[in-house]
């Protein structure tokens, strides 16, 4: 009976549960979809960096013109997020429409679509 209880305990309650203070790091590079999307006035863009890398996150028009650089610099491994408020590099608001968010981190490249929907007034 005692051995059955020990086996049950060892199976369901292992001694090593892991270090709760240990931060989990991403296993792969990733660019996640902006949230919310469509957005107005701000969207949050999450990305994962599994190893030290130079990272650039930028927003482009559908014509391929760079609209805004959101991130440009060295990153340590980890989970990151950046916000885009629908403005260009000069701080001016951009038009409603579809934009492309691109991440470049060493050999990793990925893109996601972002849709900015500004408020329209039907009546004055």
C-alpha atoms as a PDB file:
ATOM      1  CA  UNK A   1       0.000   0.000   0.000  1.00  0.00           C
ATOM      2  CA  UNK A   2       2.804   2.414   0.906  1.00  0.00           C
ATOM      3  CA  UNK A   3       4.551   1.807  -2.434  1.00  0.00           C
ATOM      4  CA  UNK A   4       1.282   2.476  -4.310  1.00  0.00           C
ATOM      5  CA  UNK A   5       0.877   5.791  -2.515  1.00  0.00           C
ATOM      6  CA  UNK A   6       4.522   6.697  -3.228  1.00  0.00           C
ATOM      7  CA  UNK A   7       4.080   5.826  -6.948  1.00  0.00           C
ATOM      8  CA  UNK A   8       0.903   7.900  -7.118  1.00  0.00           C
ATOM      9  CA  UNK A   9       2.618  10.818  -5.372  1.00  0.00           C
ATOM     10  CA  UNK A  10       5.742  10.624  -7.580  1.00  0.00           C
ATOM     11  CA  UNK A  11       3.639  10.409 -10.745  1.00  0.00           C
ATOM     12  CA  UNK A  12       1.266  13.273  -9.970  1.00  0.00           C
ATOM     13  CA  UNK A  13       3.505  15.564  -7.911  1.00  0.00           C
ATOM     14  CA  UNK A  14       7.066  15.519  -9.235  1.00  0.00           C
ATOM     15  CA  UNK A  15       9.706  17.033  -6.961  1.00  0.00           C
ATOM     16  CA  UNK A  16      11.137  19.291  -9.649  1.00  0.00           C
ATOM     17  CA  UNK A  17       8.466  21.714 -10.714  1.00  0.00           C
ATOM     18  CA  UNK A  18      10.989  24.113 -12.217  1.00  0.00           C
ATOM     19  CA  UNK A  19      12.188  27.468 -11.076  1.00  0.00           C
ATOM     20  CA  UNK A  20       9.199  29.807 -10.987  1.00  0.00           C
ATOM     21  CA  UNK A  21      11.535  32.790 -11.334  1.00  0.00           C
ATOM     22  CA  UNK A  22      13.072  31.393 -14.507  1.00  0.00           C
ATOM     23  CA  UNK A  23      11.844  33.358 -17.524  1.00  0.00           C
ATOM     24  CA  UNK A  24      10.843  31.303 -20.527  1.00  0.00           C
ATOM     25  CA  UNK A  25      12.493  32.452 -23.744  1.00  0.00           C
ATOM     26  CA  UNK A  26      11.056  32.076 -27.237  1.00  0.00           C
ATOM     27  CA  UNK A  27      12.272  29.131 -29.304  1.00  0.00           C
ATOM     28  CA  UNK A  28      11.885  30.818 -32.694  1.00  0.00           C
ATOM     29  CA  UNK A  29      11.692  34.266 -34.242  1.00  0.00           C
ATOM     30  CA  UNK A  30       8.082  35.397 -34.684  1.00  0.00           C
ATOM     31  CA  UNK A  31       6.020  38.412 -35.681  1.00  0.00           C
ATOM     32  CA  UNK A  32       2.481  38.297 -34.311  1.00  0.00           C
ATOM     33  CA  UNK A  33      -0.588  39.948 -35.789  1.00  0.00           C
ATOM     34  CA  UNK A  34      -1.222  43.476 -34.560  1.00  0.00           C
ATOM     35  CA  UNK A  35      -4.002  43.795 -31.997  1.00  0.00           C
ATOM     36  CA  UNK A  36      -6.497  45.198 -32.439  1.00  0.00           C
ATOM     37  CA  UNK A  37      -6.659  44.897 -36.205  1.00  0.00           C
ATOM     38  CA  UNK A  38      -8.401  46.794 -37.780  1.00  0.00           C
ATOM     39  CA  UNK A  39      -7.359  49.535 -35.384  1.00  0.00           C
ATOM     40  CA  UNK A  40      -8.033  53.141 -34.468  1.00  0.00           C
ATOM     41  CA  UNK A  41      -6.050  54.877 -33.096  1.00  0.00           C
ATOM     42  CA  UNK A  42      -3.332  52.432 -31.867  1.00  0.00           C
ATOM     43  CA  UNK A  43      -2.327  48.813 -32.501  1.00  0.00           C
ATOM     44  CA  UNK A  44       0.137  46.717 -30.510  1.00  0.00           C
ATOM     45  CA  UNK A  45       2.577  44.495 -32.401  1.00  0.00           C
ATOM     46  CA  UNK A  46       4.262  41.644 -30.533  1.00  0.00           C
ATOM     47  CA  UNK A  47       7.426  39.892 -31.693  1.00  0.00           C
ATOM     48  CA  UNK A  48       9.679  37.157 -30.317  1.00  0.00           C
ATOM     49  CA  UNK A  49      13.477  37.129 -30.478  1.00  0.00           C
ATOM     50  CA  UNK A  50      15.101  33.776 -29.498  1.00  0.00           C
ATOM     51  CA  UNK A  51      18.732  34.934 -29.755  1.00  0.00           C
ATOM     52  CA  UNK A  52      20.649  38.206 -29.649  1.00  0.00           C
ATOM     53  CA  UNK A  53      19.959  40.054 -32.908  1.00  0.00           C
ATOM     54  CA  UNK A  54      19.736  43.433 -34.566  1.00  0.00           C
ATOM     55  CA  UNK A  55      16.013  44.024 -35.054  1.00  0.00           C
ATOM     56  CA  UNK A  56      14.124  46.412 -37.287  1.00  0.00           C
ATOM     57  CA  UNK A  57      10.325  46.664 -37.227  1.00  0.00           C
ATOM     58  CA  UNK A  58       8.849  49.026 -39.819  1.00  0.00           C
ATOM     59  CA  UNK A  59       5.507  49.903 -41.370  1.00  0.00           C
ATOM     60  CA  UNK A  60       5.153  50.190 -45.159  1.00  0.00           C
ATOM     61  CA  UNK A  61       2.446  51.365 -47.531  1.00  0.00           C
ATOM     62  CA  UNK A  62       1.080  48.897 -50.078  1.00  0.00           C
ATOM     63  CA  UNK A  63       3.324  50.658 -52.623  1.00  0.00           C
ATOM     64  CA  UNK A  64       6.359  49.550 -50.609  1.00  0.00           C
ATOM     65  CA  UNK A  65       7.189  53.000 -49.246  1.00  0.00           C
ATOM     66  CA  UNK A  66       8.475  53.023 -45.676  1.00  0.00           C
ATOM     67  CA  UNK A  67       5.969  54.902 -43.520  1.00  0.00           C
ATOM     68  CA  UNK A  68       7.426  54.488 -40.027  1.00  0.00           C
ATOM     69  CA  UNK A  69      10.337  52.782 -38.300  1.00  0.00           C
ATOM     70  CA  UNK A  70       9.048  51.446 -34.985  1.00  0.00           C
ATOM     71  CA  UNK A  71      12.153  49.592 -33.767  1.00  0.00           C
ATOM     72  CA  UNK A  72      15.778  49.708 -34.884  1.00  0.00           C
ATOM     73  CA  UNK A  73      18.451  48.269 -32.628  1.00  0.00           C
ATOM     74  CA  UNK A  74      20.069  45.362 -30.825  1.00  0.00           C
ATOM     75  CA  UNK A  75      17.812  43.023 -28.839  1.00  0.00           C
ATOM     76  CA  UNK A  76      18.546  40.298 -26.324  1.00  0.00           C
ATOM     77  CA  UNK A  77      16.415  37.123 -26.414  1.00  0.00           C
ATOM     78  CA  UNK A  78      12.880  37.750 -25.207  1.00  0.00           C
ATOM     79  CA  UNK A  79       9.293  38.715 -25.929  1.00  0.00           C
ATOM     80  CA  UNK A  80       8.698  42.276 -27.133  1.00  0.00           C
ATOM     81  CA  UNK A  81       5.843  44.574 -28.126  1.00  0.00           C
ATOM     82  CA  UNK A  82       5.710  47.931 -29.872  1.00  0.00           C
ATOM     83  CA  UNK A  83       2.773  50.212 -30.605  1.00  0.00           C
ATOM     84  CA  UNK A  84       1.964  52.051 -33.806  1.00  0.00           C
ATOM     85  CA  UNK A  85      -0.346  55.052 -33.559  1.00  0.00           C
ATOM     86  CA  UNK A  86      -1.040  55.529 -37.272  1.00  0.00           C
ATOM     87  CA  UNK A  87       1.579  58.227 -37.851  1.00  0.00           C
ATOM     88  CA  UNK A  88       4.589  58.425 -40.163  1.00  0.00           C
ATOM     89  CA  UNK A  89       8.229  59.100 -39.241  1.00  0.00           C
ATOM     90  CA  UNK A  90       7.501  62.841 -39.230  1.00  0.00           C
ATOM     91  CA  UNK A  91       4.660  62.387 -36.723  1.00  0.00           C
ATOM     92  CA  UNK A  92       1.895  63.174 -39.223  1.00  0.00           C
ATOM     93  CA  UNK A  93      -1.242  61.012 -39.306  1.00  0.00           C
ATOM     94  CA  UNK A  94      -1.448  58.608 -42.246  1.00  0.00           C
ATOM     95  CA  UNK A  95      -4.570  57.856 -44.279  1.00  0.00           C
ATOM     96  CA  UNK A  96      -6.977  55.050 -43.493  1.00  0.00           C
ATOM     97  CA  UNK A  97      -6.069  51.881 -45.325  1.00  0.00           C
ATOM     98  CA  UNK A  98      -3.963  48.752 -45.353  1.00  0.00           C
ATOM     99  CA  UNK A  99      -0.319  48.784 -44.288  1.00  0.00           C
ATOM    100  CA  UNK A 100       2.383  46.136 -44.011  1.00  0.00           C
ATOM    101  CA  UNK A 101       4.346  45.599 -40.805  1.00  0.00           C
ATOM    102  CA  UNK A 102       7.752  44.023 -41.495  1.00  0.00           C
ATOM    103  CA  UNK A 103      10.309  42.623 -39.084  1.00  0.00           C
ATOM    104  CA  UNK A 104      13.910  41.986 -40.065  1.00  0.00           C
ATOM    105  CA  UNK A 105      16.132  40.290 -37.473  1.00  0.00           C
ATOM    106  CA  UNK A 106      19.425  38.951 -38.813  1.00  0.00           C
ATOM    107  CA  UNK A 107      18.286  36.178 -41.218  1.00  0.00           C
ATOM    108  CA  UNK A 108      14.592  36.320 -40.199  1.00  0.00           C
ATOM    109  CA  UNK A 109      12.005  38.321 -42.150  1.00  0.00           C
ATOM    110  CA  UNK A 110       8.227  38.321 -41.751  1.00  0.00           C
ATOM    111  CA  UNK A 111       5.285  40.569 -42.593  1.00  0.00           C
ATOM    112  CA  UNK A 112       1.741  41.111 -41.288  1.00  0.00           C
ATOM    113  CA  UNK A 113      -1.120  43.230 -42.617  1.00  0.00           C
ATOM    114  CA  UNK A 114      -2.416  46.131 -40.546  1.00  0.00           C
ATOM    115  CA  UNK A 115      -5.644  47.999 -41.275  1.00  0.00           C
ATOM    116  CA  UNK A 116      -6.071  51.555 -40.013  1.00  0.00           C
ATOM    117  CA  UNK A 117      -9.724  52.616 -39.968  1.00  0.00           C
ATOM    118  CA  UNK A 118     -10.184  56.229 -39.030  1.00  0.00           C
ATOM    119  CA  UNK A 119     -13.548  57.520 -37.904  1.00  0.00           C
ATOM    120  CA  UNK A 120     -15.676  58.828 -40.746  1.00  0.00           C
ATOM    121  CA  UNK A 121     -18.539  61.229 -40.254  1.00  0.00           C
ATOM    122  CA  UNK A 122     -21.606  60.751 -42.379  1.00  0.00           C
ATOM    123  CA  UNK A 123     -23.363  63.879 -41.185  1.00  0.00           C
ATOM    124  CA  UNK A 124     -22.133  67.303 -40.140  1.00  0.00           C
END
